[in-house]
Structure formats: structure tokens, C-alpha cells
Protein backbone atom coordinates (compact mmCIF):
# COMPACT_ATOMS: atom_id res chain seq x y z
CA UNK A 1 40.44 64.11 66.58
CA UNK A 2 41.03 60.39 67.15
CA UNK A 3 43.59 59.44 69.80
CA UNK A 4 45.73 56.36 69.14
CA UNK A 5 47.74 54.90 72.01
CA UNK A 6 51.03 53.14 71.21
CA UNK A 7 53.57 51.44 73.48
CA UNK A 8 57.22 50.96 72.54
CA UNK A 9 60.64 50.64 74.15
CA UNK A 10 62.24 53.80 72.77
CA UNK A 11 60.53 56.78 71.14
CA UNK A 12 62.78 59.24 69.32
CA UNK A 13 61.65 62.76 68.41
CA UNK A 14 63.38 63.98 65.25
CA UNK A 15 64.44 62.26 62.05
CA UNK A 16 67.77 64.02 61.63
CA UNK A 17 71.16 62.30 61.71
CA UNK A 18 71.10 61.58 65.46
CA UNK A 19 67.52 60.30 65.51
CA UNK A 20 67.65 58.16 62.38
CA UNK A 21 71.03 56.62 63.26
CA UNK A 22 70.00 55.81 66.84
CA UNK A 23 66.69 54.36 65.64
CA UNK A 24 68.54 52.20 63.11
CA UNK A 25 71.05 50.91 65.66
CA UNK A 26 68.42 50.09 68.29
CA UNK A 27 66.13 48.32 65.82
CA UNK A 28 69.11 46.41 64.42
CA UNK A 29 69.65 45.05 67.94
CA UNK A 30 66.00 43.98 68.22
CA UNK A 31 64.78 46.88 70.34
CA UNK A 32 61.34 48.24 69.48
CA UNK A 33 61.86 51.84 68.34
CA UNK A 34 59.69 54.62 66.90
CA UNK A 35 61.21 57.68 65.20
CA UNK A 36 58.89 60.68 64.75
CA UNK A 37 59.62 63.24 62.03
CA UNK A 38 57.31 66.22 61.62
CA UNK A 39 58.00 66.81 57.91
CA UNK A 40 56.79 64.58 55.06
CA UNK A 41 60.37 64.24 53.74
CA UNK A 42 63.96 64.98 54.75
CA UNK A 43 64.53 67.92 52.40
CA UNK A 44 65.74 71.06 54.24
CA UNK A 45 67.70 74.08 53.04
CA UNK A 46 69.95 74.28 56.08
CA UNK A 47 70.88 70.64 56.54
CA UNK A 48 74.64 70.13 56.50
CA UNK A 49 75.95 67.89 53.74
CA UNK A 50 79.44 66.92 54.90
CA UNK A 51 79.95 63.27 55.82
CA UNK A 52 83.29 63.03 57.59
CA UNK A 53 85.74 60.10 57.80
CA UNK A 54 84.52 59.30 61.34
CA UNK A 55 81.00 58.71 60.04
CA UNK A 56 82.24 56.61 57.12
CA UNK A 57 84.20 54.46 59.61
CA UNK A 58 80.89 53.76 61.34
CA UNK A 59 79.20 52.95 58.04
CA UNK A 60 82.05 50.55 57.27
CA UNK A 61 81.60 48.81 60.62
CA UNK A 62 77.89 48.44 59.80
CA UNK A 63 78.67 46.97 56.37
CA UNK A 64 77.03 49.95 54.61
CA UNK A 65 80.04 51.86 53.31
CA UNK A 66 80.13 50.56 49.75
CA UNK A 67 76.39 51.12 49.32
CA UNK A 68 76.85 54.65 50.65
CA UNK A 69 79.76 55.39 48.29
CA UNK A 70 77.63 54.26 45.35
CA UNK A 71 75.36 57.27 45.95
CA UNK A 72 76.19 60.44 43.95
CA UNK A 73 78.68 62.42 46.02
CA UNK A 74 81.83 64.51 45.80
CA UNK A 75 85.06 63.78 47.64
CA UNK A 76 87.27 66.47 49.15
CA UNK A 77 90.75 65.45 50.27
CA UNK A 78 91.84 68.94 51.31
CA UNK A 79 90.13 72.00 52.71
CA UNK A 80 91.33 75.10 50.90
CA UNK A 81 90.76 78.82 51.32
CA UNK A 82 91.66 81.90 49.34
CA UNK A 83 92.86 84.38 51.98
CA UNK A 84 93.52 87.71 50.32
CA UNK A 85 95.54 86.64 47.28
CA UNK A 86 96.96 83.52 48.95
CA UNK A 87 95.56 80.06 48.29
CA UNK A 88 95.96 78.11 51.52
CA UNK A 89 95.52 74.42 52.32
CA UNK A 90 94.02 74.33 55.82
CA UNK A 91 93.50 70.59 56.32
CA UNK A 92 94.76 67.51 54.49
CA UNK A 93 92.54 64.46 55.06
CA UNK A 94 94.45 62.21 52.65
CA UNK A 95 96.95 61.23 55.38
CA UNK A 96 94.33 60.01 57.87
CA UNK A 97 94.53 56.28 58.57
CA UNK A 98 90.87 55.53 57.83
CA UNK A 99 88.80 53.73 55.21
CA UNK A 100 87.88 57.01 53.50
CA UNK A 101 90.50 59.77 53.93
CA UNK A 102 88.23 62.49 52.59
CA UNK A 103 85.05 64.43 53.30
CA UNK A 104 82.08 63.22 51.25
CA UNK A 105 79.74 65.98 50.11
CA UNK A 106 76.24 64.59 49.71
CA UNK A 107 72.88 66.26 50.32
CA UNK A 108 71.84 65.34 53.85
CA UNK A 109 68.39 64.31 52.66
CA UNK A 110 70.07 61.60 50.53
CA UNK A 111 72.06 60.42 53.55
CA UNK A 112 68.96 60.30 55.77
CA UNK A 113 66.96 58.45 53.12
CA UNK A 114 69.86 55.99 52.84
CA UNK A 115 69.94 55.23 56.58
CA UNK A 116 66.14 55.10 56.80
CA UNK A 117 65.98 52.63 53.89
CA UNK A 118 68.35 50.26 55.65
CA UNK A 119 66.62 50.75 59.01
CA UNK A 120 63.26 49.78 57.53
CA UNK A 121 64.66 46.31 56.82
CA UNK A 122 64.36 45.65 60.56
CA UNK A 123 60.85 44.89 61.88
CA UNK A 124 61.50 46.77 65.12
CA UNK A 125 62.08 50.09 63.33
CA UNK A 126 59.07 52.36 62.81
CA UNK A 127 59.32 55.77 61.15
CA UNK A 128 56.34 58.11 61.48
CA UNK A 129 56.74 60.89 58.91
CA UNK A 130 54.55 64.00 58.74
CA UNK A 131 53.90 63.60 62.45
CA UNK A 132 54.65 66.44 64.86
CA UNK A 133 55.56 66.07 68.52
CA UNK A 134 53.43 68.48 70.54
CA UNK A 135 54.15 67.56 74.17
CA UNK A 136 55.75 65.11 76.55
CA UNK A 137 53.77 62.75 78.74
CA UNK A 138 54.90 62.71 82.35
CA UNK A 139 54.17 60.74 85.47
CA UNK A 140 55.17 63.19 88.20
CA UNK A 141 58.79 64.07 87.28
CA UNK A 142 59.40 61.16 84.92
CA UNK A 143 58.91 61.36 81.15
CA UNK A 144 56.94 58.29 80.05
CA UNK A 145 56.08 59.18 76.47
CA UNK A 146 55.34 61.70 73.76
CA UNK A 147 52.16 63.25 72.43
CA UNK A 148 52.17 63.79 68.67
CA UNK A 149 49.74 64.54 65.88
CA UNK A 150 49.38 63.89 62.18
CA UNK A 151 46.71 65.26 59.89
CA UNK A 152 43.81 63.33 61.37
CA UNK A 153 45.15 61.52 64.42
CA UNK A 154 46.68 62.31 67.79
CA UNK A 155 49.13 59.77 69.15
CA UNK A 156 49.98 59.09 72.78
CA UNK A 157 53.19 57.08 72.53
CA UNK A 158 54.37 55.49 75.77
CA UNK A 159 58.01 54.43 76.02
CA UNK A 160 60.62 53.30 78.51
CA UNK A 161 62.88 56.00 77.07
CA UNK A 162 62.15 59.17 75.12
CA UNK A 163 65.03 60.66 73.11
CA UNK A 164 65.00 64.30 72.03
CA UNK A 165 66.83 64.48 68.71
CA UNK A 166 64.62 67.23 67.29
CA UNK A 167 67.22 69.92 66.76
CA UNK A 168 68.38 73.17 68.28
CA UNK A 169 64.78 74.38 68.74
CA UNK A 170 63.75 71.09 70.33
CA UNK A 171 60.10 70.90 71.34
CA UNK A 172 60.81 67.99 73.66
CA UNK A 173 63.67 69.81 75.39
CA UNK A 174 61.51 72.89 75.84
CA UNK A 175 58.58 70.94 77.28
CA UNK A 176 60.90 69.15 79.69
CA UNK A 177 62.28 72.51 80.95
CA UNK A 178 65.90 71.57 80.24
CA UNK A 179 67.49 74.95 79.45
CA UNK A 180 70.67 75.30 77.36
CA UNK A 181 73.56 77.62 78.14
CA UNK A 182 74.21 79.95 75.18
CA UNK A 183 77.84 80.44 74.15
CA UNK A 184 79.33 83.08 71.86
CA UNK A 185 78.00 83.28 68.29
CA UNK A 186 78.98 86.66 66.77
CA UNK A 187 77.86 85.76 63.25
CA UNK A 188 74.97 84.70 61.06
CA UNK A 189 75.05 83.28 57.53
CA UNK A 190 73.32 84.34 54.31
CA UNK A 191 72.64 81.09 52.43
CA UNK A 192 72.16 81.11 48.64
CA UNK A 193 73.03 79.36 45.37
CA UNK A 194 75.25 80.32 42.45
CA UNK A 195 75.28 78.48 39.16
CA UNK A 196 78.32 76.26 38.73
CA UNK A 197 80.09 75.83 35.41
CA UNK A 198 82.22 72.89 34.26
CA UNK A 199 85.32 75.09 34.21
CA UNK A 200 84.96 75.94 37.92
CA UNK A 201 87.35 74.24 40.37
CA UNK A 202 86.25 70.92 41.84
CA UNK A 203 87.24 71.67 45.41
CA UNK A 204 84.97 73.49 47.82
CA UNK A 205 86.53 76.79 48.84
CA UNK A 206 86.48 79.51 51.41
CA UNK A 207 87.23 83.09 50.41
CA UNK A 208 88.38 85.64 52.97
CA UNK A 209 89.32 89.25 52.28
CA UNK A 210 88.65 92.86 53.28
CA UNK A 211 86.12 92.15 56.00
CA UNK A 212 84.25 89.45 54.05
CA UNK A 213 84.04 85.67 54.37
CA UNK A 214 82.37 83.41 51.81
CA UNK A 215 82.13 79.61 51.88
CA UNK A 216 81.36 77.73 48.64
CA UNK A 217 80.26 74.09 48.70
CA UNK A 218 80.03 72.19 45.43
CA UNK A 219 76.62 70.60 44.82
CA UNK A 220 76.73 69.29 41.29
CA UNK A 221 75.52 72.02 38.95
CA UNK A 222 75.51 74.79 41.56
CA UNK A 223 77.54 76.22 44.42
CA UNK A 224 75.86 76.33 47.81
CA UNK A 225 77.22 79.56 49.28
CA UNK A 226 77.36 80.92 52.80
CA UNK A 227 78.18 84.62 53.20
CA UNK A 228 79.05 85.41 56.81
CA UNK A 229 77.69 88.55 58.42
CA UNK A 230 77.85 89.88 61.94
CA UNK A 231 75.05 88.84 64.27
CA UNK A 232 71.82 90.83 63.75
CA UNK A 233 73.05 92.66 60.62
CA UNK A 234 70.58 90.97 58.25
CA UNK A 235 68.15 93.89 58.23
CA UNK A 236 70.98 96.29 57.35
CA UNK A 237 71.94 94.19 54.33
CA UNK A 238 68.33 94.07 53.15
CA UNK A 239 67.88 97.80 53.56
CA UNK A 240 71.06 98.44 51.53
CA UNK A 241 69.49 96.54 48.62
CA UNK A 242 70.28 93.58 46.41
CA UNK A 243 72.71 95.57 44.23
CA UNK A 244 74.84 96.36 47.26
CA UNK A 245 74.86 92.66 48.12
CA UNK A 246 76.01 91.96 44.56
CA UNK A 247 78.89 94.37 45.11
CA UNK A 248 80.02 92.53 48.23
CA UNK A 249 80.02 89.22 46.36
CA UNK A 250 81.82 90.59 43.31
CA UNK A 251 84.68 91.80 45.49
CA UNK A 252 85.27 88.16 46.40
CA UNK A 253 84.17 86.61 43.07
CA UNK A 254 85.17 89.10 40.34
CA UNK A 255 84.80 86.47 37.61
CA UNK A 256 81.21 85.56 38.48
CA UNK A 257 79.46 88.84 37.69
CA UNK A 258 76.80 87.31 35.43
CA UNK A 259 75.98 84.54 37.88
CA UNK A 260 75.78 86.94 40.81
CA UNK A 261 73.34 89.08 38.78
CA UNK A 262 71.03 86.06 38.66
CA UNK A 263 70.25 86.73 42.33
CA UNK A 264 67.43 89.20 41.80
CA UNK A 265 65.43 89.00 45.02
CA UNK A 266 65.99 88.50 48.74
CA UNK A 267 63.67 85.50 48.54
CA UNK A 268 66.65 83.70 46.96
CA UNK A 269 68.71 84.36 50.08
CA UNK A 270 67.97 82.61 53.38
CA UNK A 271 69.13 83.72 56.80
CA UNK A 272 70.80 81.02 58.88
CA UNK A 273 71.01 82.21 62.48
CA UNK A 274 74.07 80.70 64.10
CA UNK A 275 73.67 79.37 67.64
CA UNK A 276 76.21 77.66 69.87
CA UNK A 277 74.73 76.25 73.07
CA UNK A 278 74.62 73.14 75.23
CA UNK A 279 72.70 71.66 78.10
CA UNK A 280 74.40 71.35 81.48
CA UNK A 281 72.38 68.15 81.96
CA UNK A 282 71.35 66.13 78.91
CA UNK A 283 68.73 64.01 80.64
CA UNK A 284 66.03 63.68 83.23
CA UNK A 285 64.16 60.53 84.30
CA UNK A 286 62.86 58.87 81.13
CA UNK A 287 64.39 61.44 78.74
CA UNK A 288 67.72 61.82 76.91
CA UNK A 289 68.77 64.71 74.62
CA UNK A 290 71.35 64.13 71.87
CA UNK A 291 72.60 65.96 68.79
CA UNK A 292 71.58 69.60 68.41
CA UNK A 293 68.93 69.15 71.11
CA UNK A 294 71.80 68.70 73.57
CA UNK A 295 74.40 70.93 71.93
CA UNK A 296 73.88 73.25 68.96
CA UNK A 297 77.10 73.60 66.99
CA UNK A 298 78.50 76.40 64.85
CA UNK A 299 78.75 75.58 61.13
CA UNK A 300 82.55 75.92 61.41
CA UNK A 301 84.10 72.69 60.16
CA UNK A 302 80.74 71.18 59.26
CA UNK A 303 81.03 68.91 62.30
CA UNK A 304 77.43 69.07 63.55
CA UNK A 305 76.07 66.07 61.64
CA UNK A 306 79.07 63.95 62.56
CA UNK A 307 78.91 64.82 66.27
CA UNK A 308 75.21 63.96 66.20
CA UNK A 309 76.00 60.54 64.73
CA UNK A 310 78.74 60.01 67.34
CA UNK A 311 76.13 60.78 70.02
CA UNK A 312 73.81 58.19 68.48
CA UNK A 313 76.48 55.49 68.38
CA UNK A 314 77.60 56.15 71.96
CA UNK A 315 73.96 56.09 73.10
CA UNK A 316 73.30 52.81 71.30
CA UNK A 317 76.44 51.20 72.73
CA UNK A 318 75.22 51.94 76.26
CA UNK A 319 71.47 51.46 75.79
CA UNK A 320 71.43 48.23 73.78
CA UNK A 321 72.98 45.94 76.42
CA UNK A 322 70.97 47.69 79.15
CA UNK A 323 67.67 47.08 77.35
CA UNK A 324 68.63 43.51 76.41
CA UNK A 325 69.49 42.66 80.04
CA UNK A 326 66.51 44.63 81.37
CA UNK A 327 68.97 46.85 83.27
CA UNK A 328 68.05 50.22 81.74
CA UNK A 329 68.04 53.05 84.30
CA UNK A 330 68.97 56.68 84.68
CA UNK A 331 72.56 55.55 85.20
CA UNK A 332 72.67 54.79 81.45
CA UNK A 333 71.71 58.37 80.63
CA UNK A 334 74.38 59.71 82.95
CA UNK A 335 76.94 57.48 81.25
CA UNK A 336 75.97 58.74 77.80
CA UNK A 337 76.42 62.37 78.80
CA UNK A 338 79.73 61.56 80.50
CA UNK A 339 80.92 59.81 77.33
CA UNK A 340 79.95 62.60 74.93
CA UNK A 341 80.27 65.79 76.97
CA UNK A 342 84.04 66.25 76.72
CA UNK A 343 84.17 65.95 72.90
CA UNK A 344 81.28 68.42 72.68
CA UNK A 345 82.89 70.94 75.01
CA UNK A 346 86.25 70.66 73.24
CA UNK A 347 84.86 71.24 69.73
CA UNK A 348 82.57 74.04 70.88
CA UNK A 349 85.48 75.76 72.64
CA UNK A 350 87.50 75.51 69.43
CA UNK A 351 84.60 76.87 67.38
CA UNK A 352 84.05 79.78 69.77
CA UNK A 353 87.78 80.59 69.67
CA UNK A 354 87.73 80.67 65.85
CA UNK A 355 84.53 82.73 65.83
CA UNK A 356 85.86 85.33 68.27
CA UNK A 357 89.53 85.48 67.28
CA UNK A 358 89.31 84.96 63.52
CA UNK A 359 85.80 85.46 62.11
CA UNK A 360 84.70 88.41 64.25
CA UNK A 361 88.00 90.21 63.69
CA UNK A 362 87.86 89.56 59.96
CA UNK A 363 84.29 90.84 59.63
CA UNK A 364 85.35 94.02 61.42
CA UNK A 365 88.35 94.65 59.17
CA UNK A 366 87.89 96.67 55.96
CA UNK A 367 91.52 96.43 54.83
CA UNK A 368 92.92 93.72 52.59
CA UNK A 369 93.77 90.84 54.86
CA UNK A 370 97.31 89.66 55.46
CA UNK A 371 98.01 85.98 55.85
CA UNK A 372 97.87 85.16 59.61
CA UNK A 373 100.81 83.31 61.18
CA UNK A 374 98.92 80.07 61.67
CA UNK A 375 98.20 79.84 57.93
CA UNK A 376 101.80 80.66 57.09
CA UNK A 377 102.86 77.75 59.28
CA UNK A 378 100.37 75.43 57.57
CA UNK A 379 101.90 76.34 54.22
CA UNK A 380 105.51 76.08 55.35
CA UNK A 381 105.05 72.80 57.25
CA UNK A 382 102.50 70.59 55.42
CA UNK A 383 102.67 68.02 58.23
CA UNK A 384 100.74 70.48 60.42
CA UNK A 385 97.71 70.19 58.13
CA UNK A 386 97.06 66.78 59.66
CA UNK A 387 96.05 68.39 62.97
CA UNK A 388 92.96 70.27 61.69
CA UNK A 389 92.23 67.30 59.43
CA UNK A 390 92.11 65.00 62.45
CA UNK A 391 90.03 67.38 64.56
CA UNK A 392 87.50 67.91 61.76
CA UNK A 393 87.57 64.46 60.18
CA UNK A 394 87.86 62.20 63.22
CA UNK A 395 87.26 64.42 66.21
CA UNK A 396 87.79 63.74 69.89
CA UNK A 397 86.93 60.29 71.28
CA UNK A 398 85.63 58.75 68.05
CA UNK A 399 82.87 56.18 68.56
CA UNK A 400 82.71 52.68 67.11
CA UNK A 401 79.99 50.06 66.80
CA UNK A 402 79.97 47.54 69.65
CA UNK A 403 78.96 44.12 68.42
């Protein structure tokens, strides 16, 4: 196999939200950047598709918001759930003081294609699709590049900085021997589609009752559904058979019998294994981890993509002036972790609390659920709905573009 040697300033492994956004921002500032993505396109079953107000604030600061909003998408101003027989508004985004006081539902592959299209307008941005990172290149203890391969060529890419943005199963992180600390994750998710009809409600919903939790996200002509199960119970569900799975769904969706029957095989159902972890140190000489490579998030709140983008913006704000002044050093990497670690820890702690105190208890309860006190308060005092809306929609220590 031919070996091609390339030199650049920053080489980013992973073309997800963190990698594409950081590559765009660096190239926009005139910094030579290569983003490596192992797949030929951005289409993935498990990519999150919620773009939160914090991300749309960033797009507005970049002058991209109106172009983004012209893409097909759905807007959700409130998060609702059906808990037992009670319809509950959990979060109200409409009161947030932002450009877009809503969550935009758009397939993540459309969002990534959108950012990549704009990034390619800059000559310093290079996207290598269908190219897989296989190893890191080190000089003693310092990472000085990445080794990658495409169909016919091996690449040795040398860079001042390597960024691992290649997800929760990061190859780069593993090769660098940075080990994450695993936090509590008592659940997994069964991921499948149900046909959507024009008479169905517009809002995405959660349904909770009698030991079952179902999340339904509107995606045009179908519902993308996540049925929560306890960790490592997937084999038990399969052994019980598809008809038993139908029964579980029909208890939550009694009016969708015909559509549920359209699920005829377990091949139509994908297992999403939930992981919550984070690195104690996000960097080593020559290497920075961001996004899921630094901190895998629970799907609760759909905040993963938005935290990844916040990581990218914070990284760019610190790296761009350092590269431009030729002052890049390990101190920059320390500053990035210091900037982003508290928001990560806070949101993960909140997710773990919800997983352990709400989800795990619900999945272990076979009786019809009663409305918990916190949801009663949200219904009685609508002003309180702004708190979860802020935490989900804006987050802690929101990042902005430094010009």
C-alpha cells in the first residue's frame, strides 16, 4: 500500500459535531486543518438530531443562522411528557432570551453536511472522507500526528496538534492510553421507527407509565422511537419475542396497534448502549480530546451534540490566537479542559441523578405511575419550566465566537 506523508497545523480525527465545527472555525481563521472521517457520508442511525438554542446562537454569530433555518426542520418550543394519564410540560423554551427560543429537530447528517459545505469555502479546510484513523504517531511521549488509511493509500499526517473528536469509542484516545472514568448508566435504549400520520401531534413526546419509558421524536413521516430498558436486558427482550415487545409498546400507545404490528423483525430494532464517562485529563503533549472522546453523555436532554459544539468553540477561541501568535503550547490544552470541565461535570451529574432517581426507579416499577412532586410543581408554577429549559437549551457556561 502506498504511503502518503502530509503536514498540517491541526489534524482532527472524527467528522461529528465537535470535529466538523472545530475544523470549520480553525480554517475560517486561516489555520491549516484536516478533518478525517472514516465513513463515506455522515448518515448514522444513532446520531442525535436536536439542535439547541445555544448552538443556534453560535450559528447566528457566524452569520449562518438563516441558511440553517432554511433547511427542513421541526421546531419544539416545549418538552412534553405523558406521565401515567397526566400530560406534563417539562421545559418551556419560548421564554429564553435567545435568537431561536426552541429546539430544532433536524437529522444530524443534514447539520453536518451544512457545516461541512460552509467549511469547504475556506482553502485551509480539508475533509478526508472514507478514511480511517488507525494509530497515532509519537515522538517519545508527544503525539505528532495520525496514521490513517483509505482504500488504496496509507496516510502519515504530521501536525502541531492532533484532536480526538472520534466519539465515545475513540481510536485516538485508546491509542494514547487516556482512560475514561465510567459513571452510572443503568439503562440502554431500543431504537426503532413507527409510521407517523398527519393526525398525530406535532410535538415530540415522552411516555412514562407502569415501568415503561418511551421517547418519540418527530422526523417528518415517521416517529423515531427510543424504548428504555434496564442495562443488559436486551437478550431477555429478544428471547421473549417480537409479539411480547409489541405488547409493551401497545400499553403505552394503545391507538397505534397497526403501526406497531409493522415491526416484524428484530432487525428493525437497534440496541443503543448508553454510556456516561469522562477523562480525568483531556490531553497529553500534542493531543486534545473533545466531545464524546472526552466525555460520553447520556441521551437525557439530547445535550450531547450541543456540548460537543461548545467544546469546539471553546477550543477554537483558545487555539486560534495561540496558533496565530505562534504561542501554542500544552498550556492551551490545559486551559481548554479547565474551561469545559465544569459544564461537563455538572450536566453529567444531573443526568446520572435523573438516571438513578427517576429512570431506574420507573423501570423497576410495575404499577401505574403517580405524578412525582417535581412534575406537579412544574404544572402548578409554569415559571419553573424555565429552569430545565435553560439547562437543556443553553447549558452551563455557554460559549460564544471570539472575533
